[in-house]
Amino acid sequence: FLIILPEAIAWQNLDQYFNFFTSSYVLIYLLIVFS
């Protein structure tokens, strides 16, 4: 839930969601959440 829900809530757009999770910024996102 920590990984998939916040960005899904923020945009509620399937294309934006998959574009983000296939980008390099997803690593920074995961580091911030777990930190």
Full PDB file with SEQRES, HELIX, SHEET, SSBOND, CRYST1, ORIGX, SCALE, CONECT and MASTER records, all heavy atoms in Angstrom:
SEQRES   1 A   35  PHE LEU ILE ILE LEU PRO GLU ALA ILE ALA TRP GLN ASN          
SEQRES   2 A   35  LEU ASP GLN TYR PHE ASN PHE PHE THR SER SER TYR VAL          
SEQRES   3 A   35  LEU ILE TYR LEU LEU ILE VAL PHE SER                          
HELIX    1 AA1 LEU A    5  TRP A   11  1                                   7    
HELIX    2 AA2 LEU A   14  PHE A   21  1                                   8    
HELIX    3 AA3 TYR A   25  PHE A   34  1                                  10    
CRYST1    1.000    1.000    1.000  90.00  90.00  90.00 P 1           1          
ORIGX1      1.000000  0.000000  0.000000        0.00000                         
ORIGX2      0.000000  1.000000  0.000000        0.00000                         
ORIGX3      0.000000  0.000000  1.000000        0.00000                         
SCALE1      1.000000  0.000000  0.000000        0.00000                         
SCALE2      0.000000  1.000000  0.000000        0.00000                         
SCALE3      0.000000  0.000000  1.000000        0.00000                         
ATOM      1  N   PHE A   1       0.820  -1.209   0.000  1.00  0.00           N  
ATOM      2  CA  PHE A   1       0.000   0.000   0.000  1.00  0.00           C  
ATOM      3  C   PHE A   1       0.858   1.265   0.000  1.00  0.00           C  
ATOM      4  O   PHE A   1       0.518   2.257  -0.656  1.00  0.00           O  
ATOM      5  CB  PHE A   1      -0.943   0.006   1.204  1.00  0.00           C  
ATOM      6  CG  PHE A   1      -2.090  -0.950   1.071  1.00  0.00           C  
ATOM      7  CD1 PHE A   1      -2.669  -1.512   2.191  1.00  0.00           C  
ATOM      8  CD2 PHE A   1      -2.573  -1.300  -0.174  1.00  0.00           C  
ATOM      9  CE1 PHE A   1      -3.733  -2.406   2.068  1.00  0.00           C  
ATOM     10  CE2 PHE A   1      -3.631  -2.184  -0.312  1.00  0.00           C  
ATOM     11  CZ  PHE A   1      -4.212  -2.744   0.806  1.00  0.00           C  
ATOM     12  N   LEU A   2       1.954   1.237   0.753  1.00  0.00           N  
ATOM     13  CA  LEU A   2       2.838   2.404   0.786  1.00  0.00           C  
ATOM     14  C   LEU A   2       3.411   2.708  -0.591  1.00  0.00           C  
ATOM     15  O   LEU A   2       3.644   3.865  -0.938  1.00  0.00           O  
ATOM     16  CB  LEU A   2       3.989   2.174   1.775  1.00  0.00           C  
ATOM     17  CG  LEU A   2       3.705   2.446   3.249  1.00  0.00           C  
ATOM     18  CD1 LEU A   2       4.906   2.071   4.096  1.00  0.00           C  
ATOM     19  CD2 LEU A   2       3.348   3.902   3.470  1.00  0.00           C  
ATOM     20  N   ILE A   3       3.619   1.661  -1.374  1.00  0.00           N  
ATOM     21  CA  ILE A   3       4.235   1.851  -2.694  1.00  0.00           C  
ATOM     22  C   ILE A   3       3.212   2.281  -3.735  1.00  0.00           C  
ATOM     23  O   ILE A   3       3.418   3.248  -4.471  1.00  0.00           O  
ATOM     24  CB  ILE A   3       4.937   0.551  -3.146  1.00  0.00           C  
ATOM     25  CG1 ILE A   3       6.120   0.257  -2.226  1.00  0.00           C  
ATOM     26  CG2 ILE A   3       5.403   0.665  -4.591  1.00  0.00           C  
ATOM     27  CD1 ILE A   3       6.780  -1.079  -2.499  1.00  0.00           C  
ATOM     28  N   ILE A   4       2.072   1.573  -3.803  1.00  0.00           N  
ATOM     29  CA  ILE A   4       1.180   1.762  -4.949  1.00  0.00           C  
ATOM     30  C   ILE A   4       0.101   2.818  -4.751  1.00  0.00           C  
ATOM     31  O   ILE A   4      -0.345   3.431  -5.727  1.00  0.00           O  
ATOM     32  CB  ILE A   4       0.497   0.431  -5.330  1.00  0.00           C  
ATOM     33  CG1 ILE A   4      -0.472  -0.022  -4.223  1.00  0.00           C  
ATOM     34  CG2 ILE A   4       1.529  -0.647  -5.603  1.00  0.00           C  
ATOM     35  CD1 ILE A   4      -1.318  -1.211  -4.622  1.00  0.00           C  
ATOM     36  N   LEU A   5      -0.340   3.054  -3.497  1.00  0.00           N  
ATOM     37  CA  LEU A   5      -1.513   3.889  -3.318  1.00  0.00           C  
ATOM     38  C   LEU A   5      -1.282   5.404  -3.437  1.00  0.00           C  
ATOM     39  O   LEU A   5      -2.071   6.083  -4.102  1.00  0.00           O  
ATOM     40  CB  LEU A   5      -2.183   3.580  -1.976  1.00  0.00           C  
ATOM     41  CG  LEU A   5      -3.124   2.373  -1.976  1.00  0.00           C  
ATOM     42  CD1 LEU A   5      -3.835   2.264  -0.641  1.00  0.00           C  
ATOM     43  CD2 LEU A   5      -4.148   2.483  -3.099  1.00  0.00           C  
ATOM     44  N   PRO A   6      -0.248   5.995  -2.780  1.00  0.00           N  
ATOM     45  CA  PRO A   6      -0.144   7.461  -2.815  1.00  0.00           C  
ATOM     46  C   PRO A   6      -0.137   8.062  -4.219  1.00  0.00           C  
ATOM     47  O   PRO A   6      -0.886   9.001  -4.497  1.00  0.00           O  
ATOM     48  CB  PRO A   6       1.171   7.735  -2.073  1.00  0.00           C  
ATOM     49  CG  PRO A   6       1.306   6.586  -1.130  1.00  0.00           C  
ATOM     50  CD  PRO A   6       0.765   5.415  -1.878  1.00  0.00           C  
ATOM     51  N   GLU A   7       0.693   7.537  -5.121  1.00  0.00           N  
ATOM     52  CA  GLU A   7       0.736   8.088  -6.480  1.00  0.00           C  
ATOM     53  C   GLU A   7      -0.566   7.820  -7.235  1.00  0.00           C  
ATOM     54  O   GLU A   7      -0.987   8.628  -8.061  1.00  0.00           O  
ATOM     55  CB  GLU A   7       1.910   7.509  -7.262  1.00  0.00           C  
ATOM     56  CG  GLU A   7       3.257   8.095  -6.888  1.00  0.00           C  
ATOM     57  CD  GLU A   7       3.368   9.580  -7.206  1.00  0.00           C  
ATOM     58  OE1 GLU A   7       2.777  10.031  -8.211  1.00  0.00           O  
ATOM     59  OE2 GLU A   7       4.038  10.307  -6.447  1.00  0.00           O  
ATOM     60  N   ALA A   8      -1.206   6.690  -6.934  1.00  0.00           N  
ATOM     61  CA  ALA A   8      -2.499   6.400  -7.562  1.00  0.00           C  
ATOM     62  C   ALA A   8      -3.551   7.403  -7.116  1.00  0.00           C  
ATOM     63  O   ALA A   8      -4.361   7.881  -7.916  1.00  0.00           O  
ATOM     64  CB  ALA A   8      -2.938   4.977  -7.221  1.00  0.00           C  
ATOM     65  N   ILE A   9      -3.546   7.750  -5.829  1.00  0.00           N  
ATOM     66  CA  ILE A   9      -4.486   8.738  -5.287  1.00  0.00           C  
ATOM     67  C   ILE A   9      -4.198  10.114  -5.869  1.00  0.00           C  
ATOM     68  O   ILE A   9      -5.112  10.878  -6.200  1.00  0.00           O  
ATOM     69  CB  ILE A   9      -4.404   8.776  -3.752  1.00  0.00           C  
ATOM     70  CG1 ILE A   9      -4.871   7.442  -3.158  1.00  0.00           C  
ATOM     71  CG2 ILE A   9      -5.232   9.923  -3.185  1.00  0.00           C  
ATOM     72  CD1 ILE A   9      -4.627   7.315  -1.668  1.00  0.00           C  
ATOM     73  N   ALA A  10      -2.907  10.440  -6.016  1.00  0.00           N  
ATOM     74  CA  ALA A  10      -2.504  11.788  -6.434  1.00  0.00           C  
ATOM     75  C   ALA A  10      -2.978  12.139  -7.834  1.00  0.00           C  
ATOM     76  O   ALA A  10      -3.293  13.297  -8.122  1.00  0.00           O  
ATOM     77  CB  ALA A  10      -0.982  11.928  -6.351  1.00  0.00           C  
ATOM     78  N   TRP A  11      -3.051  11.153  -8.735  1.00  0.00           N  
ATOM     79  CA  TRP A  11      -3.382  11.452 -10.133  1.00  0.00           C  
ATOM     80  C   TRP A  11      -4.659  10.779 -10.603  1.00  0.00           C  
ATOM     81  O   TRP A  11      -5.402  11.341 -11.400  1.00  0.00           O  
ATOM     82  CB  TRP A  11      -2.222  11.025 -11.047  1.00  0.00           C  
ATOM     83  CG  TRP A  11      -0.921  11.650 -10.664  1.00  0.00           C  
ATOM     84  CD1 TRP A  11       0.183  11.022 -10.153  1.00  0.00           C  
ATOM     85  CD2 TRP A  11      -0.580  13.037 -10.723  1.00  0.00           C  
ATOM     86  NE1 TRP A  11       1.188  11.923  -9.908  1.00  0.00           N  
ATOM     87  CE2 TRP A  11       0.748  13.171 -10.251  1.00  0.00           C  
ATOM     88  CE3 TRP A  11      -1.260  14.176 -11.143  1.00  0.00           C  
ATOM     89  CZ2 TRP A  11       1.400  14.386 -10.180  1.00  0.00           C  
ATOM     90  CZ3 TRP A  11      -0.612  15.403 -11.071  1.00  0.00           C  
ATOM     91  CH2 TRP A  11       0.696  15.501 -10.597  1.00  0.00           C  
ATOM     92  N   GLN A  12      -4.898   9.544 -10.130  1.00  0.00           N  
ATOM     93  CA  GLN A  12      -6.063   8.771 -10.577  1.00  0.00           C  
ATOM     94  C   GLN A  12      -6.133   8.760 -12.106  1.00  0.00           C  
ATOM     95  O   GLN A  12      -7.192   8.944 -12.711  1.00  0.00           O  
ATOM     96  CB  GLN A  12      -7.350   9.334  -9.957  1.00  0.00           C  
ATOM     97  CG  GLN A  12      -7.310   9.285  -8.426  1.00  0.00           C  
ATOM     98  CD  GLN A  12      -8.599   9.648  -7.769  1.00  0.00           C  
ATOM     99  OE1 GLN A  12      -9.668   9.454  -8.331  1.00  0.00           O  
ATOM    100  NE2 GLN A  12      -8.531  10.166  -6.547  1.00  0.00           N  
ATOM    101  N   ASN A  13      -4.954   8.574 -12.686  1.00  0.00           N  
ATOM    102  CA  ASN A  13      -4.811   8.516 -14.142  1.00  0.00           C  
ATOM    103  C   ASN A  13      -3.905   7.339 -14.473  1.00  0.00           C  
ATOM    104  O   ASN A  13      -2.739   7.316 -14.075  1.00  0.00           O  
ATOM    105  CB  ASN A  13      -4.230   9.828 -14.658  1.00  0.00           C  
ATOM    106  CG  ASN A  13      -4.076   9.849 -16.164  1.00  0.00           C  
ATOM    107  OD1 ASN A  13      -3.329   9.045 -16.740  1.00  0.00           O  
ATOM    108  ND2 ASN A  13      -4.764  10.766 -16.810  1.00  0.00           N  
ATOM    109  N   LEU A  14      -4.433   6.363 -15.205  1.00  0.00           N  
ATOM    110  CA  LEU A  14      -3.701   5.123 -15.444  1.00  0.00           C  
ATOM    111  C   LEU A  14      -2.428   5.354 -16.254  1.00  0.00           C  
ATOM    112  O   LEU A  14      -1.367   4.782 -15.942  1.00  0.00           O  
ATOM    113  CB  LEU A  14      -4.605   4.116 -16.162  1.00  0.00           C  
ATOM    114  CG  LEU A  14      -4.208   2.641 -16.050  1.00  0.00           C  
ATOM    115  CD1 LEU A  14      -4.164   2.204 -14.600  1.00  0.00           C  
ATOM    116  CD2 LEU A  14      -5.167   1.776 -16.839  1.00  0.00           C  
ATOM    117  N   ASP A  15      -2.502   6.198 -17.281  1.00  0.00           N  
ATOM    118  CA  ASP A  15      -1.323   6.457 -18.112  1.00  0.00           C  
ATOM    119  C   ASP A  15      -0.218   7.124 -17.301  1.00  0.00           C  
ATOM    120  O   ASP A  15       0.951   6.743 -17.380  1.00  0.00           O  
ATOM    121  CB  ASP A  15      -1.698   7.342 -19.306  1.00  0.00           C  
ATOM    122  CG  ASP A  15      -2.583   6.609 -20.305  1.00  0.00           C  
ATOM    123  OD1 ASP A  15      -2.521   5.359 -20.329  1.00  0.00           O  
ATOM    124  OD2 ASP A  15      -3.341   7.272 -21.031  1.00  0.00           O  
ATOM    125  N   GLN A  16      -0.604   8.153 -16.526  1.00  0.00           N  
ATOM    126  CA  GLN A  16       0.377   8.833 -15.688  1.00  0.00           C  
ATOM    127  C   GLN A  16       0.998   7.864 -14.682  1.00  0.00           C  
ATOM    128  O   GLN A  16       2.201   7.899 -14.417  1.00  0.00           O  
ATOM    129  CB  GLN A  16      -0.284  10.002 -14.952  1.00  0.00           C  
ATOM    130  CG  GLN A  16       0.473  10.532 -13.739  1.00  0.00           C  
ATOM    131  CD  GLN A  16       1.802  11.159 -14.100  1.00  0.00           C  
ATOM    132  OE1 GLN A  16       1.993  11.574 -15.231  1.00  0.00           O  
ATOM    133  NE2 GLN A  16       2.713  11.215 -13.145  1.00  0.00           N  
ATOM    134  N   TYR A  17       0.168   6.990 -14.128  1.00  0.00           N  
ATOM    135  CA  TYR A  17       0.623   6.035 -13.118  1.00  0.00           C  
ATOM    136  C   TYR A  17       1.690   5.100 -13.682  1.00  0.00           C  
ATOM    137  O   TYR A  17       2.762   4.927 -13.096  1.00  0.00           O  
ATOM    138  CB  TYR A  17      -0.580   5.234 -12.625  1.00  0.00           C  
ATOM    139  CG  TYR A  17      -0.309   4.372 -11.420  1.00  0.00           C  
ATOM    140  CD1 TYR A  17      -0.099   4.951 -10.175  1.00  0.00           C  
ATOM    141  CD2 TYR A  17      -0.275   2.984 -11.523  1.00  0.00           C  
ATOM    142  CE1 TYR A  17       0.131   4.160  -9.063  1.00  0.00           C  
ATOM    143  CE2 TYR A  17      -0.039   2.203 -10.417  1.00  0.00           C  
ATOM    144  CZ  TYR A  17       0.161   2.791  -9.185  1.00  0.00           C  
ATOM    145  OH  TYR A  17       0.403   2.009  -8.085  1.00  0.00           O  
ATOM    146  N   PHE A  18       1.432   4.503 -14.855  1.00  0.00           N  
ATOM    147  CA  PHE A  18       2.397   3.576 -15.441  1.00  0.00           C  
ATOM    148  C   PHE A  18       3.636   4.297 -15.967  1.00  0.00           C  
ATOM    149  O   PHE A  18       4.746   3.766 -15.909  1.00  0.00           O  
ATOM    150  CB  PHE A  18       1.733   2.767 -16.563  1.00  0.00           C  
ATOM    151  CG  PHE A  18       0.853   1.658 -16.050  1.00  0.00           C  
ATOM    152  CD1 PHE A  18      -0.527   1.710 -16.207  1.00  0.00           C  
ATOM    153  CD2 PHE A  18       1.402   0.565 -15.387  1.00  0.00           C  
ATOM    154  CE1 PHE A  18      -1.337   0.700 -15.726  1.00  0.00           C  
ATOM    155  CE2 PHE A  18       0.607  -0.457 -14.901  1.00  0.00           C  
ATOM    156  CZ  PHE A  18      -0.771  -0.389 -15.070  1.00  0.00           C  
ATOM    157  N   ASN A  19       3.460   5.505 -16.485  1.00  0.00           N  
ATOM    158  CA  ASN A  19       4.618   6.281 -16.949  1.00  0.00           C  
ATOM    159  C   ASN A  19       5.567   6.569 -15.798  1.00  0.00           C  
ATOM    160  O   ASN A  19       6.799   6.515 -15.949  1.00  0.00           O  
ATOM    161  CB  ASN A  19       4.157   7.592 -17.585  1.00  0.00           C  
ATOM    162  CG  ASN A  19       3.521   7.383 -18.934  1.00  0.00           C  
ATOM    163  OD1 ASN A  19       3.750   6.361 -19.584  1.00  0.00           O  
ATOM    164  ND2 ASN A  19       2.703   8.332 -19.365  1.00  0.00           N  
ATOM    165  N   PHE A  20       4.993   6.895 -14.619  1.00  0.00           N  
ATOM    166  CA  PHE A  20       5.837   7.195 -13.468  1.00  0.00           C  
ATOM    167  C   PHE A  20       6.570   5.951 -12.982  1.00  0.00           C  
ATOM    168  O   PHE A  20       7.779   5.978 -12.721  1.00  0.00           O  
ATOM    169  CB  PHE A  20       5.001   7.793 -12.332  1.00  0.00           C  
ATOM    170  CG  PHE A  20       5.747   7.892 -11.033  1.00  0.00           C  
ATOM    171  CD1 PHE A  20       6.791   8.788 -10.882  1.00  0.00           C  
ATOM    172  CD2 PHE A  20       5.429   7.063  -9.964  1.00  0.00           C  
ATOM    173  CE1 PHE A  20       7.499   8.875  -9.682  1.00  0.00           C  
ATOM    174  CE2 PHE A  20       6.126   7.141  -8.771  1.00  0.00           C  
ATOM    175  CZ  PHE A  20       7.165   8.053  -8.637  1.00  0.00           C  
ATOM    176  N   PHE A  21       5.859   4.823 -12.862  1.00  0.00           N  
ATOM    177  CA  PHE A  21       6.472   3.623 -12.307  1.00  0.00           C  
ATOM    178  C   PHE A  21       7.399   2.900 -13.289  1.00  0.00           C  
ATOM    179  O   PHE A  21       7.995   1.890 -12.937  1.00  0.00           O  
ATOM    180  CB  PHE A  21       5.387   2.661 -11.791  1.00  0.00           C  
ATOM    181  CG  PHE A  21       4.973   2.955 -10.380  1.00  0.00           C  
ATOM    182  CD1 PHE A  21       3.869   3.754 -10.125  1.00  0.00           C  
ATOM    183  CD2 PHE A  21       5.704   2.494  -9.305  1.00  0.00           C  
ATOM    184  CE1 PHE A  21       3.489   4.051  -8.818  1.00  0.00           C  
ATOM    185  CE2 PHE A  21       5.342   2.784  -8.005  1.00  0.00           C  
ATOM    186  CZ  PHE A  21       4.232   3.564  -7.760  1.00  0.00           C  
ATOM    187  N   THR A  22       7.512   3.431 -14.483  1.00  0.00           N  
ATOM    188  CA  THR A  22       8.529   2.924 -15.412  1.00  0.00           C  
ATOM    189  C   THR A  22       9.653   3.933 -15.607  1.00  0.00           C  
ATOM    190  O   THR A  22      10.508   3.743 -16.470  1.00  0.00           O  
ATOM    191  CB  THR A  22       7.892   2.608 -16.783  1.00  0.00           C  
ATOM    192  OG1 THR A  22       7.206   3.771 -17.272  1.00  0.00           O  
ATOM    193  CG2 THR A  22       6.922   1.453 -16.663  1.00  0.00           C  
ATOM    194  N   SER A  23       9.653   5.008 -14.804  1.00  0.00           N  
ATOM    195  CA  SER A  23      10.698   6.030 -14.903  1.00  0.00           C  
ATOM    196  C   SER A  23      11.759   5.806 -13.831  1.00  0.00           C  
ATOM    197  O   SER A  23      11.577   5.025 -12.888  1.00  0.00           O  
ATOM    198  CB  SER A  23      10.094   7.426 -14.745  1.00  0.00           C  
ATOM    199  OG  SER A  23       9.673   7.637 -13.401  1.00  0.00           O  
ATOM    200  N   SER A  24      12.871   6.528 -13.949  1.00  0.00           N  
ATOM    201  CA  SER A  24      13.957   6.393 -12.971  1.00  0.00           C  
ATOM    202  C   SER A  24      13.607   7.034 -11.639  1.00  0.00           C  
ATOM    203  O   SER A  24      14.213   6.715 -10.611  1.00  0.00           O  
ATOM    204  CB  SER A  24      15.237   7.044 -13.528  1.00  0.00           C  
ATOM    205  OG  SER A  24      15.008   8.414 -13.837  1.00  0.00           O  
ATOM    206  N   TYR A  25      12.604   7.947 -11.635  1.00  0.00           N  
ATOM    207  CA  TYR A  25      12.247   8.648 -10.396  1.00  0.00           C  
ATOM    208  C   TYR A  25      11.541   7.728  -9.397  1.00  0.00           C  
ATOM    209  O   TYR A  25      11.397   8.088  -8.226  1.00  0.00           O  
ATOM    210  CB  TYR A  25      11.351   9.848 -10.698  1.00  0.00           C  
ATOM    211  CG  TYR A  25      12.098  10.986 -11.338  1.00  0.00           C  
ATOM    212  CD1 TYR A  25      11.937  11.257 -12.684  1.00  0.00           C  
ATOM    213  CD2 TYR A  25      12.983  11.773 -10.606  1.00  0.00           C  
ATOM    214  CE1 TYR A  25      12.631  12.301 -13.288  1.00  0.00           C  
ATOM    215  CE2 TYR A  25      13.669  12.814 -11.199  1.00  0.00           C  
ATOM    216  CZ  TYR A  25      13.490  13.070 -12.540  1.00  0.00           C  
ATOM    217  OH  TYR A  25      14.179  14.096 -13.124  1.00  0.00           O  
ATOM    218  N   VAL A  26      11.076   6.579  -9.861  1.00  0.00           N  
ATOM    219  CA  VAL A  26      10.396   5.672  -8.943  1.00  0.00           C  
ATOM    220  C   VAL A  26      11.356   5.190  -7.860  1.00  0.00           C  
ATOM    221  O   VAL A  26      10.943   4.919  -6.716  1.00  0.00           O  
ATOM    222  CB  VAL A  26       9.796   4.474  -9.719  1.00  0.00           C  
ATOM    223  CG1 VAL A  26      10.885   3.541 -10.236  1.00  0.00           C  
ATOM    224  CG2 VAL A  26       8.829   3.701  -8.842  1.00  0.00           C  
ATOM    225  N   LEU A  27      12.662   5.117  -8.155  1.00  0.00           N  
ATOM    226  CA  LEU A  27      13.640   4.709  -7.151  1.00  0.00           C  
ATOM    227  C   LEU A  27      13.720   5.749  -6.032  1.00  0.00           C  
ATOM    228  O   LEU A  27      13.758   5.399  -4.843  1.00  0.00           O  
ATOM    229  CB  LEU A  27      15.021   4.517  -7.801  1.00  0.00           C  
ATOM    230  CG  LEU A  27      16.155   4.132  -6.850  1.00  0.00           C  
ATOM    231  CD1 LEU A  27      15.854   2.806  -6.151  1.00  0.00           C  
ATOM    232  CD2 LEU A  27      17.484   4.042  -7.605  1.00  0.00           C  
ATOM    233  N   ILE A  28      13.745   7.031  -6.415  1.00  0.00           N  
ATOM    234  CA  ILE A  28      13.761   8.100  -5.407  1.00  0.00           C  
ATOM    235  C   ILE A  28      12.484   8.051  -4.576  1.00  0.00           C  
ATOM    236  O   ILE A  28      12.507   8.236  -3.352  1.00  0.00           O  
ATOM    237  CB  ILE A  28      13.921   9.472  -6.082  1.00  0.00           C  
ATOM    238  CG1 ILE A  28      15.207   9.523  -6.897  1.00  0.00           C  
ATOM    239  CG2 ILE A  28      13.919  10.591  -5.045  1.00  0.00           C  
ATOM    240  CD1 ILE A  28      15.392  10.819  -7.663  1.00  0.00           C  
ATOM    241  N   TYR A  29      11.364   7.806  -5.239  1.00  0.00           N  
ATOM    242  CA  TYR A  29      10.078   7.705  -4.555  1.00  0.00           C  
ATOM    243  C   TYR A  29      10.101   6.605  -3.493  1.00  0.00           C  
ATOM    244  O   TYR A  29       9.688   6.812  -2.345  1.00  0.00           O  
ATOM    245  CB  TYR A  29       8.996   7.447  -5.595  1.00  0.00           C  
ATOM    246  CG  TYR A  29       7.655   7.040  -5.042  1.00  0.00           C  
ATOM    247  CD1 TYR A  29       6.823   7.960  -4.416  1.00  0.00           C  
ATOM    248  CD2 TYR A  29       7.201   5.723  -5.160  1.00  0.00           C  
ATOM    249  CE1 TYR A  29       5.594   7.584  -3.923  1.00  0.00           C  
ATOM    250  CE2 TYR A  29       5.972   5.343  -4.668  1.00  0.00           C  
ATOM    251  CZ  TYR A  29       5.171   6.279  -4.057  1.00  0.00           C  
ATOM    252  OH  TYR A  29       3.950   5.904  -3.558  1.00  0.00           O  
ATOM    253  N   LEU A  30      10.603   5.432  -3.861  1.00  0.00           N  
ATOM    254  CA  LEU A  30      10.666   4.312  -2.919  1.00  0.00           C  
ATOM    255  C   LEU A  30      11.590   4.624  -1.755  1.00  0.00           C  
ATOM    256  O   LEU A  30      11.292   4.302  -0.597  1.00  0.00           O  
ATOM    257  CB  LEU A  30      11.136   3.052  -3.645  1.00  0.00           C  
ATOM    258  CG  LEU A  30      10.197   2.484  -4.714  1.00  0.00           C  
ATOM    259  CD1 LEU A  30      10.842   1.294  -5.405  1.00  0.00           C  
ATOM    260  CD2 LEU A  30       8.864   2.088  -4.101  1.00  0.00           C  
ATOM    261  N   LEU A  31      12.724   5.258  -2.040  1.00  0.00           N  
ATOM    262  CA  LEU A  31      13.664   5.615  -0.968  1.00  0.00           C  
ATOM    263  C   LEU A  31      13.026   6.575   0.018  1.00  0.00           C  
ATOM    264  O   LEU A  31      13.202   6.448   1.239  1.00  0.00           O  
ATOM    265  CB  LEU A  31      14.929   6.225  -1.568  1.00  0.00           C  
ATOM    266  CG  LEU A  31      15.878   5.260  -2.294  1.00  0.00           C  
ATOM    267  CD1 LEU A  31      17.002   6.037  -2.981  1.00  0.00           C  
ATOM    268  CD2 LEU A  31      16.454   4.236  -1.321  1.00  0.00           C  
ATOM    269  N   ILE A  32      12.259   7.555  -0.487  1.00  0.00           N  
ATOM    270  CA  ILE A  32      11.609   8.532   0.392  1.00  0.00           C  
ATOM    271  C   ILE A  32      10.560   7.851   1.268  1.00  0.00           C  
ATOM    272  O   ILE A  32      10.490   8.085   2.486  1.00  0.00           O  
ATOM    273  CB  ILE A  32      10.964   9.664  -0.439  1.00  0.00           C  
ATOM    274  CG1 ILE A  32      12.043  10.523  -1.084  1.00  0.00           C  
ATOM    275  CG2 ILE A  32      10.058  10.527   0.434  1.00  0.00           C  
ATOM    276  CD1 ILE A  32      11.504  11.569  -2.041  1.00  0.00           C  
ATOM    277  N   VAL A  33       9.738   7.001   0.663  1.00  0.00           N  
ATOM    278  CA  VAL A  33       8.672   6.325   1.412  1.00  0.00           C  
ATOM    279  C   VAL A  33       9.247   5.447   2.517  1.00  0.00           C  
ATOM    280  O   VAL A  33       8.838   5.532   3.688  1.00  0.00           O  
ATOM    281  CB  VAL A  33       7.791   5.486   0.456  1.00  0.00           C  
ATOM    282  CG1 VAL A  33       6.860   4.578   1.254  1.00  0.00           C  
ATOM    283  CG2 VAL A  33       6.980   6.389  -0.456  1.00  0.00           C  
ATOM    284  N   PHE A  34      10.214   4.606   2.170  1.00  0.00           N  
ATOM    285  CA  PHE A  34      10.771   3.697   3.173  1.00  0.00           C  
ATOM    286  C   PHE A  34      11.625   4.430   4.203  1.00  0.00           C  
ATOM    287  O   PHE A  34      11.699   4.006   5.364  1.00  0.00           O  
ATOM    288  CB  PHE A  34      11.580   2.592   2.489  1.00  0.00           C  
ATOM    289  CG  PHE A  34      10.730   1.585   1.782  1.00  0.00           C  
ATOM    290  CD1 PHE A  34      10.855   1.375   0.420  1.00  0.00           C  
ATOM    291  CD2 PHE A  34       9.766   0.870   2.469  1.00  0.00           C  
ATOM    292  CE1 PHE A  34      10.061   0.461  -0.236  1.00  0.00           C  
ATOM    293  CE2 PHE A  34       8.964  -0.054   1.825  1.00  0.00           C  
ATOM    294  CZ  PHE A  34       9.103  -0.262   0.465  1.00  0.00           C  
ATOM    295  N   SER A  35      12.261   5.515   3.808  1.00  0.00           N  
ATOM    296  CA  SER A  35      13.049   6.297   4.764  1.00  0.00           C  
ATOM    297  C   SER A  35      12.141   6.992   5.777  1.00  0.00           C  
ATOM    298  O   SER A  35      12.478   7.089   6.960  1.00  0.00           O  
ATOM    299  CB  SER A  35      13.909   7.326   4.027  1.00  0.00           C  
ATOM    300  OG  SER A  35      14.835   6.690   3.176  1.00  0.00           O  
TER     301      SER A  35                                                      
MASTER        0    0    0    3    0    0    0    6  300    1    0    3          
END                                                                             
